[in-house]
C-alpha atoms as a PDB file:
ATOM      1  CA  MET A   1       6.504  -3.789  -6.469  1.00  0.00           C
ATOM      2  CA  LEU A   2       4.496  -6.846  -5.962  1.00  0.00           C
ATOM      3  CA  LYS A   3       3.562  -8.867  -8.887  1.00  0.00           C
ATOM      4  CA  ARG A   4       1.780 -11.954  -9.270  1.00  0.00           C
ATOM      5  CA  GLY A   5       3.697 -12.746  -5.620  1.00  0.00           C
ATOM      6  CA  GLN A   6       6.853 -11.450  -5.980  1.00  0.00           C
ATOM      7  CA  VAL A   7       9.213  -8.641  -5.750  1.00  0.00           C
ATOM      8  CA  TYR A   8      10.020  -6.454  -8.465  1.00  0.00           C
ATOM      9  CA  ARG A   9      12.286  -3.570  -9.375  1.00  0.00           C
ATOM     10  CA  PRO A  10      12.980  -1.055 -12.098  1.00  0.00           C
ATOM     11  CA  GLY A  11      14.356  -2.353 -15.079  1.00  0.00           C
ATOM     12  CA  PRO A  12      15.536  -1.012 -18.291  1.00  0.00           C
ATOM     13  CA  GLN A  13      12.641  -2.562 -19.795  1.00  0.00           C
ATOM     14  CA  GLY A  14       9.995  -2.292 -16.868  1.00  0.00           C
ATOM     15  CA  PRO A  15       9.617  -4.333 -13.967  1.00  0.00           C
ATOM     16  CA  VAL A  16      11.711  -7.040 -13.428  1.00  0.00           C
ATOM     17  CA  VAL A  17      11.759  -9.948 -10.179  1.00  0.00           C
ATOM     18  CA  ALA A  18      13.865  -8.325  -7.602  1.00  0.00           C
ATOM     19  CA  ARG A  19      16.710 -10.244  -6.901  1.00  0.00           C
ATOM     20  CA  SER A  20      19.691 -10.569  -4.423  1.00  0.00           C
ATOM     21  CA  ALA A  21      23.262 -10.085  -5.106  1.00  0.00           C
ATOM     22  CA  SER A  22      23.961 -14.008  -5.070  1.00  0.00           C
ATOM     23  CA  GLY A  23      20.724 -13.786  -7.973  1.00  0.00           C
ATOM     24  CA  GLY A  24      17.957 -15.473  -5.418  1.00  0.00           C
ATOM     25  CA  PRO A  25      14.791 -13.966  -5.857  1.00  0.00           C
ATOM     26  CA  PHE A  26      13.525 -11.983  -3.233  1.00  0.00           C
ATOM     27  CA  ASP A  27      10.316 -13.519  -1.012  1.00  0.00           C
ATOM     28  CA  PRO A  28       8.121 -10.649  -0.232  1.00  0.00           C
ATOM     29  CA  PHE A  29       7.330 -11.582   3.562  1.00  0.00           C
ATOM     30  CA  ASP A  30      11.471 -12.448   4.269  1.00  0.00           C
ATOM     31  CA  VAL A  31      11.167  -8.224   2.832  1.00  0.00           C
ATOM     32  CA  VAL A  32       9.088  -7.465   5.989  1.00  0.00           C
ATOM     33  CA  ASP A  33      10.544  -9.246   7.860  1.00  0.00           C
ATOM     34  CA  ARG A  34      13.644  -6.454   7.284  1.00  0.00           C
ATOM     35  CA  LEU A  35      11.940  -3.915   7.299  1.00  0.00           C
ATOM     36  CA  THR A  36       9.379  -4.166  10.418  1.00  0.00           C
ATOM     37  CA  PRO A  37      12.780  -3.690  12.963  1.00  0.00           C
ATOM     38  CA  ASP A  38      13.270  -0.074  11.528  1.00  0.00           C
ATOM     39  CA  HIS A  39      10.284   1.213   9.420  1.00  0.00           C
ATOM     40  CA  PRO A  40       6.823   1.935  10.976  1.00  0.00           C
ATOM     41  CA  LEU A  41       5.213   1.300   7.136  1.00  0.00           C
ATOM     42  CA  LEU A  42       5.750  -0.266   3.784  1.00  0.00           C
ATOM     43  CA  TYR A  43       4.208   1.634   0.578  1.00  0.00           C
ATOM     44  CA  VAL A  44       3.262  -1.823  -1.467  1.00  0.00           C
ATOM     45  CA  VAL A  45       2.997  -0.532  -5.307  1.00  0.00           C
ATOM     46  CA  ASP A  46       0.053  -3.497  -6.401  1.00  0.00           C
ATOM     47  CA  LEU A  47       1.458  -4.207 -10.188  1.00  0.00           C
ATOM     48  CA  ASP A  48      -1.193  -6.501 -10.915  1.00  0.00           C
ATOM     49  CA  GLY A  49      -4.031  -3.362 -10.040  1.00  0.00           C
ATOM     50  CA  ILE A  50      -2.206  -1.165 -11.892  1.00  0.00           C
ATOM     51  CA  GLU A  51      -1.666  -3.343 -14.874  1.00  0.00           C
ATOM     52  CA  ARG A  52      -4.627  -5.503 -14.794  1.00  0.00           C
ATOM     53  CA  GLN A  53      -6.854  -4.082 -12.257  1.00  0.00           C
ATOM     54  CA  ASP A  54      -6.676  -7.446 -10.321  1.00  0.00           C
ATOM     55  CA  PRO A  55      -4.724  -6.622  -6.631  1.00  0.00           C
ATOM     56  CA  GLN A  56      -3.279  -8.830  -4.621  1.00  0.00           C
ATOM     57  CA  LEU A  57      -5.770  -8.884  -2.035  1.00  0.00           C
ATOM     58  CA  ASP A  58      -4.318 -12.012  -0.466  1.00  0.00           C
ATOM     59  CA  TYR A  59      -1.181 -10.618   0.122  1.00  0.00           C
ATOM     60  CA  VAL A  60      -2.195  -7.766   1.392  1.00  0.00           C
ATOM     61  CA  GLN A  61      -3.983  -9.749   3.991  1.00  0.00           C
ATOM     62  CA  GLU A  62      -0.998 -11.448   4.962  1.00  0.00           C
ATOM     63  CA  LEU A  63       1.746  -8.642   4.753  1.00  0.00           C
ATOM     64  CA  SER A  64      -0.482  -6.441   6.973  1.00  0.00           C
ATOM     65  CA  ARG A  65      -0.419  -8.903   9.810  1.00  0.00           C
ATOM     66  CA  ASP A  66       3.464  -7.865  10.060  1.00  0.00           C
ATOM     67  CA  ILE A  67       3.682  -4.315   9.418  1.00  0.00           C
ATOM     68  CA  PRO A  68       1.019  -1.403   8.697  1.00  0.00           C
ATOM     69  CA  LEU A  69       0.461  -1.394   4.628  1.00  0.00           C
ATOM     70  CA  TRP A  70      -0.751   1.784   2.458  1.00  0.00           C
ATOM     71  CA  VAL A  71      -1.580   0.121  -0.475  1.00  0.00           C
ATOM     72  CA  ASP A  72      -1.613   1.715  -4.306  1.00  0.00           C
ATOM     73  CA  SER A  73      -3.262  -0.554  -6.181  1.00  0.00           C
ATOM     74  CA  GLY A  74      -4.666   1.590  -9.016  1.00  0.00           C
ATOM     75  CA  VAL A  75      -7.999   2.274  -7.464  1.00  0.00           C
ATOM     76  CA  ARG A  76     -10.563   3.483 -10.066  1.00  0.00           C
ATOM     77  CA  THR A  77     -13.339   3.361  -8.451  1.00  0.00           C
ATOM     78  CA  ALA A  78     -14.738   3.886  -4.715  1.00  0.00           C
ATOM     79  CA  ASP A  79     -15.802  -0.039  -3.975  1.00  0.00           C
ATOM     80  CA  GLN A  80     -12.206  -1.059  -5.368  1.00  0.00           C
ATOM     81  CA  ALA A  81     -10.479   1.435  -2.158  1.00  0.00           C
ATOM     82  CA  ILE A  82     -12.695  -0.601   0.049  1.00  0.00           C
ATOM     83  CA  ASP A  83     -11.874  -3.148  -1.110  1.00  0.00           C
ATOM     84  CA  VAL A  84      -8.246  -3.061  -0.438  1.00  0.00           C
ATOM     85  CA  LEU A  85      -8.919  -1.568   3.247  1.00  0.00           C
ATOM     86  CA  VAL A  86     -11.322  -4.494   3.637  1.00  0.00           C
ATOM     87  CA  ALA A  87      -8.203  -6.757   2.773  1.00  0.00           C
ATOM     88  CA  GLY A  88      -5.902  -5.232   5.286  1.00  0.00           C
ATOM     89  CA  ALA A  89      -4.293  -1.882   4.239  1.00  0.00           C
ATOM     90  CA  HIS A  90      -3.853   0.384   6.884  1.00  0.00           C
ATOM     91  CA  ARG A  91      -4.501   3.034   4.244  1.00  0.00           C
ATOM     92  CA  VAL A  92      -5.376   2.985   0.449  1.00  0.00           C
ATOM     93  CA  VAL A  93      -3.740   4.895  -2.150  1.00  0.00           C
ATOM     94  CA  LEU A  94      -5.571   6.702  -4.176  1.00  0.00           C
ATOM     95  CA  SER A  95      -3.862   8.631  -7.124  1.00  0.00           C
ATOM     96  CA  SER A  96      -4.489  11.206  -9.881  1.00  0.00           C
ATOM     97  CA  ALA A  97      -3.052   9.084 -12.099  1.00  0.00           C
ATOM     98  CA  TYR A  98      -5.661   6.441 -11.777  1.00  0.00           C
ATOM     99  CA  LEU A  99      -8.878   7.452  -9.981  1.00  0.00           C
ATOM    100  CA  GLN A 100     -11.925   8.739 -11.680  1.00  0.00           C
ATOM    101  CA  GLY A 101     -12.421  12.270 -10.834  1.00  0.00           C
ATOM    102  CA  PRO A 102     -13.408  13.414  -7.370  1.00  0.00           C
ATOM    103  CA  LYS A 103     -16.881  12.183  -7.137  1.00  0.00           C
ATOM    104  CA  GLN A 104     -15.503   8.579  -6.409  1.00  0.00           C
ATOM    105  CA  LEU A 105     -12.962  10.560  -4.066  1.00  0.00           C
ATOM    106  CA  ALA A 106     -15.975  12.031  -2.079  1.00  0.00           C
ATOM    107  CA  ARG A 107     -17.740   8.616  -2.549  1.00  0.00           C
ATOM    108  CA  ALA A 108     -14.924   6.816  -1.036  1.00  0.00           C
ATOM    109  CA  TRP A 109     -14.452   9.254   1.672  1.00  0.00           C
ATOM    110  CA  ARG A 110     -17.645   8.759   2.773  1.00  0.00           C
ATOM    111  CA  LEU A 111     -17.062   5.101   3.432  1.00  0.00           C
ATOM    112  CA  SER A 112     -13.844   4.973   4.907  1.00  0.00           C
ATOM    113  CA  PRO A 113     -11.553   7.867   6.453  1.00  0.00           C
ATOM    114  CA  GLU A 114      -8.530   5.718   6.005  1.00  0.00           C
ATOM    115  CA  ILE A 115      -7.739   7.052   3.019  1.00  0.00           C
ATOM    116  CA  VAL A 116      -4.290   8.958   1.214  1.00  0.00           C
ATOM    117  CA  PHE A 117      -4.629  10.992  -2.003  1.00  0.00           C
ATOM    118  CA  GLU A 118      -1.342  10.937  -4.568  1.00  0.00           C
ATOM    119  CA  ILE A 119      -0.809  13.619  -6.432  1.00  0.00           C
ATOM    120  CA  GLU A 120       1.281  12.797 -10.014  1.00  0.00           C
ATOM    121  CA  LEU A 121       3.200  14.905 -11.593  1.00  0.00           C
ATOM    122  CA  GLU A 122       4.756  15.413 -14.579  1.00  0.00           C
ATOM    123  CA  GLY A 123       7.185  18.361 -15.102  1.00  0.00           C
ATOM    124  CA  SER A 124       5.521  20.926 -13.141  1.00  0.00           C
ATOM    125  CA  LYS A 125       1.659  19.919 -13.573  1.00  0.00           C
ATOM    126  CA  VAL A 126      -0.584  17.489 -12.857  1.00  0.00           C
ATOM    127  CA  SER A 127      -1.542  14.739 -15.373  1.00  0.00           C
ATOM    128  CA  PRO A 128      -4.641  13.556 -14.428  1.00  0.00           C
ATOM    129  CA  VAL A 129      -6.394  10.408 -16.249  1.00  0.00           C
ATOM    130  CA  HIS A 130      -9.730  11.232 -15.763  1.00  0.00           C
ATOM    131  CA  ALA A 131     -11.346  14.598 -17.776  1.00  0.00           C
ATOM    132  CA  ASP A 132     -13.637  15.543 -13.984  1.00  0.00           C
ATOM    133  CA  TRP A 133     -10.605  16.321 -12.870  1.00  0.00           C
ATOM    134  CA  GLY A 134     -10.656  19.460 -14.230  1.00  0.00           C
ATOM    135  CA  SER A 135      -7.057  21.389 -13.110  1.00  0.00           C
ATOM    136  CA  GLN A 136      -3.505  20.624 -13.567  1.00  0.00           C
ATOM    137  CA  ASP A 137      -2.352  22.794 -10.998  1.00  0.00           C
ATOM    138  CA  ALA A 138      -0.927  20.780  -7.766  1.00  0.00           C
ATOM    139  CA  VAL A 139      -2.243  23.311  -5.561  1.00  0.00           C
ATOM    140  CA  GLU A 140      -5.392  23.272  -6.752  1.00  0.00           C
ATOM    141  CA  LEU A 141      -6.439  19.633  -7.237  1.00  0.00           C
ATOM    142  CA  ALA A 142      -4.906  19.578  -3.210  1.00  0.00           C
ATOM    143  CA  ARG A 143      -7.332  22.147  -2.211  1.00  0.00           C
ATOM    144  CA  THR A 144     -10.104  20.042  -3.852  1.00  0.00           C
ATOM    145  CA  VAL A 145      -9.002  16.403  -2.524  1.00  0.00           C
ATOM    146  CA  ARG A 146      -8.661  17.978   1.235  1.00  0.00           C
ATOM    147  CA  ALA A 147     -12.189  19.391   0.808  1.00  0.00           C
ATOM    148  CA  ALA A 148     -13.365  16.439  -0.162  1.00  0.00           C
ATOM    149  CA  GLY A 149     -12.256  15.427   3.067  1.00  0.00           C
ATOM    150  CA  PRO A 150      -8.488  13.286   2.863  1.00  0.00           C
ATOM    151  CA  ASP A 151      -6.239  15.628   4.124  1.00  0.00           C
ATOM    152  CA  HIS A 152      -2.971  12.945   3.559  1.00  0.00           C
ATOM    153  CA  LEU A 153      -1.401  14.099   0.836  1.00  0.00           C
ATOM    154  CA  ILE A 154       1.266  12.401  -1.312  1.00  0.00           C
ATOM    155  CA  LEU A 155       2.983  14.465  -3.871  1.00  0.00           C
ATOM    156  CA  SER A 156       4.879  12.451  -6.586  1.00  0.00           C
ATOM    157  CA  PRO A 157       6.945  14.201  -9.095  1.00  0.00           C
ATOM    158  CA  ARG A 158       8.204  12.185 -12.175  1.00  0.00           C
ATOM    159  CA  GLU A 159      11.713  12.924 -14.076  1.00  0.00           C
ATOM    160  CA  ARG A 160      12.378  15.562 -12.394  1.00  0.00           C
ATOM    161  CA  ASP A 161      13.295  16.791  -8.805  1.00  0.00           C
ATOM    162  CA  PRO A 162      10.870  17.182  -6.027  1.00  0.00           C
ATOM    163  CA  ASP A 163      10.191  21.060  -5.614  1.00  0.00           C
ATOM    164  CA  TRP A 164      10.315  21.702  -2.318  1.00  0.00           C
ATOM    165  CA  THR A 165       8.391  25.397  -2.662  1.00  0.00           C
ATOM    166  CA  LEU A 166       5.185  24.092  -3.984  1.00  0.00           C
ATOM    167  CA  VAL A 167       5.814  20.999  -0.719  1.00  0.00           C
ATOM    168  CA  ARG A 168       6.028  23.468   1.473  1.00  0.00           C
ATOM    169  CA  THR A 169       2.908  24.976  -0.012  1.00  0.00           C
ATOM    170  CA  ILE A 170       1.085  21.788  -0.282  1.00  0.00           C
ATOM    171  CA  SER A 171       2.147  20.817   3.903  1.00  0.00           C
ATOM    172  CA  ALA A 172       1.060  24.232   4.935  1.00  0.00           C
ATOM    173  CA  ALA A 173      -2.416  23.139   4.536  1.00  0.00           C
ATOM    174  CA  GLY A 174      -2.177  19.311   5.741  1.00  0.00           C
ATOM    175  CA  PRO A 175       0.199  16.305   6.566  1.00  0.00           C
ATOM    176  CA  THR A 176       1.964  15.469   3.093  1.00  0.00           C
ATOM    177  CA  TRP A 177       4.616  13.157   2.393  1.00  0.00           C
ATOM    178  CA  VAL A 178       6.991  13.314  -0.922  1.00  0.00           C
ATOM    179  CA  ASP A 179       6.872  10.681  -3.356  1.00  0.00           C
ATOM    180  CA  GLY A 180       8.629  10.101  -7.044  1.00  0.00           C
ATOM    181  CA  SER A 181      11.465  11.307  -7.342  1.00  0.00           C
ATOM    182  CA  PHE A 182      12.364  11.118  -3.646  1.00  0.00           C
ATOM    183  CA  THR A 183      15.708   9.873  -2.608  1.00  0.00           C
ATOM    184  CA  ALA A 184      17.392   9.360   1.127  1.00  0.00           C
ATOM    185  CA  VAL A 185      19.787  12.338   0.424  1.00  0.00           C
ATOM    186  CA  ASP A 186      16.765  14.819   0.099  1.00  0.00           C
ATOM    187  CA  ALA A 187      15.910  13.403   4.050  1.00  0.00           C
ATOM    188  CA  PRO A 188      17.213  16.907   5.638  1.00  0.00           C
ATOM    189  CA  ARG A 189      15.085  18.868   3.130  1.00  0.00           C
ATOM    190  CA  LEU A 190      11.226  17.709   4.801  1.00  0.00           C
ATOM    191  CA  ALA A 191      11.521  19.494   7.802  1.00  0.00           C
ATOM    192  CA  PRO A 192      11.884  22.868   6.467  1.00  0.00           C
ATOM    193  CA  SER A 193       9.748  22.325   3.888  1.00  0.00           C
ATOM    194  CA  GLY A 194       6.577  20.941   6.368  1.00  0.00           C
ATOM    195  CA  ALA A 195       6.366  17.873   4.475  1.00  0.00           C
ATOM    196  CA  ARG A 196       5.338  14.908   7.180  1.00  0.00           C
ATOM    197  CA  GLY A 197       7.879  12.188   5.697  1.00  0.00           C
ATOM    198  CA  GLY A 198       9.529  10.937   2.600  1.00  0.00           C
ATOM    199  CA  ILE A 199       8.599   7.554   1.089  1.00  0.00           C
ATOM    200  CA  TYR A 200      12.246   5.549   0.520  1.00  0.00           C
ATOM    201  CA  HIS A 201      12.377   3.515  -1.826  1.00  0.00           C
ATOM    202  CA  LEU A 202      13.922   0.081  -1.153  1.00  0.00           C
ATOM    203  CA  ASP A 203      16.258  -0.478  -4.930  1.00  0.00           C
ATOM    204  CA  ASP A 204      19.240   0.441  -3.438  1.00  0.00           C
ATOM    205  CA  LEU A 205      19.190  -2.208  -0.943  1.00  0.00           C
ATOM    206  CA  PHE A 206      18.330  -4.983  -2.893  1.00  0.00           C
ATOM    207  CA  ASP A 207      21.994  -5.310  -4.115  1.00  0.00           C
ATOM    208  CA  ARG A 208      23.217  -5.395  -0.679  1.00  0.00           C
ATOM    209  CA  TRP A 209      20.684  -8.227   0.890  1.00  0.00           C
ATOM    210  CA  GLU A 210      21.176 -11.573   0.583  1.00  0.00           C
ATOM    211  CA  ASP A 211      18.837 -14.674   0.297  1.00  0.00           C
ATOM    212  CA  ASP A 212      18.411 -14.972   3.825  1.00  0.00           C
ATOM    213  CA  PRO A 213      17.123 -11.710   5.527  1.00  0.00           C
ATOM    214  CA  ALA A 214      19.251 -12.658   8.998  1.00  0.00           C
ATOM    215  CA  SER A 215      22.067 -12.502   7.194  1.00  0.00           C
ATOM    216  CA  VAL A 216      22.428  -8.941   6.929  1.00  0.00           C
ATOM    217  CA  PRO A 217      21.816  -6.482   9.886  1.00  0.00           C
ATOM    218  CA  PRO A 218      18.910  -4.153   9.262  1.00  0.00           C
ATOM    219  CA  THR A 219      19.602  -0.859   7.537  1.00  0.00           C
ATOM    220  CA  PRO A 220      18.301   1.866   9.732  1.00  0.00           C
ATOM    221  CA  HIS A 221      16.725   4.730   7.772  1.00  0.00           C
ATOM    222  CA  GLY A 222      16.597   8.522   7.948  1.00  0.00           C
ATOM    223  CA  THR A 223      13.074  10.081   9.383  1.00  0.00           C
ATOM    224  CA  PRO A 224      10.672   7.944  11.894  1.00  0.00           C
ATOM    225  CA  PRO A 225       7.568   9.328  10.219  1.00  0.00           C
ATOM    226  CA  ALA A 226       8.495   8.509   6.560  1.00  0.00           C
ATOM    227  CA  PRO A 227       7.172   4.620   5.278  1.00  0.00           C
ATOM    228  CA  ALA A 228       9.286   2.455   3.376  1.00  0.00           C
ATOM    229  CA  ARG A 229       8.105   1.975   0.102  1.00  0.00           C
ATOM    230  CA  ASP A 230       8.360  -1.833  -1.299  1.00  0.00           C
ATOM    231  CA  ASP A 231       9.715   0.284  -4.932  1.00  0.00           C
ATOM    232  CA  GLU A 232       8.871   2.871  -7.401  1.00  0.00           C
ATOM    233  CA  ASN A 233       6.353   2.419  -9.633  1.00  0.00           C
END
């Protein structure tokens, strides 16, 4: 997670500044330097965009020079999506939790195909913020999204393990990544489910990294197509 130019991680009362074992905060550019040898992509959760609708486009611009970024800035409208792409994101993440309905999705797709759509699940149902999404069924929402144009989807279960039968069903219709409660332990289940990859969270790495990113050898990740994520939202 990125907030006001600082790397954050989950805390018991909400996100907190991510610090190394020696207590120093992580610099986002050092984190990117650590990741680039072993990870093809970085998934950035922009807390300023999500919480205040004030995306950190300057950081997107700078970080994207070193590694392709998928950026979730809590986009509500098509215009906001294009702002993130113009800043340098490889793909902008539009989420059922924030985007204001299928009309905004269709408009964003007309403006750019560099879109990934996240289906956020609470329990077994989608919990969209905008009533225009209609159904809370993940498979039906996936069909609606792909009919509008975007075929790259992220399935993000919250508070429960991934439903691999659901992953298999959605993956059968197009490229699908697994996020949310997904961990590296789940990596062997990606290929049998047909998923393109999993989004690995970096929270478990922060405790092992030192202030100087060069002081620790790079940590390999499991599946080459899987983007590393700067942390969970």
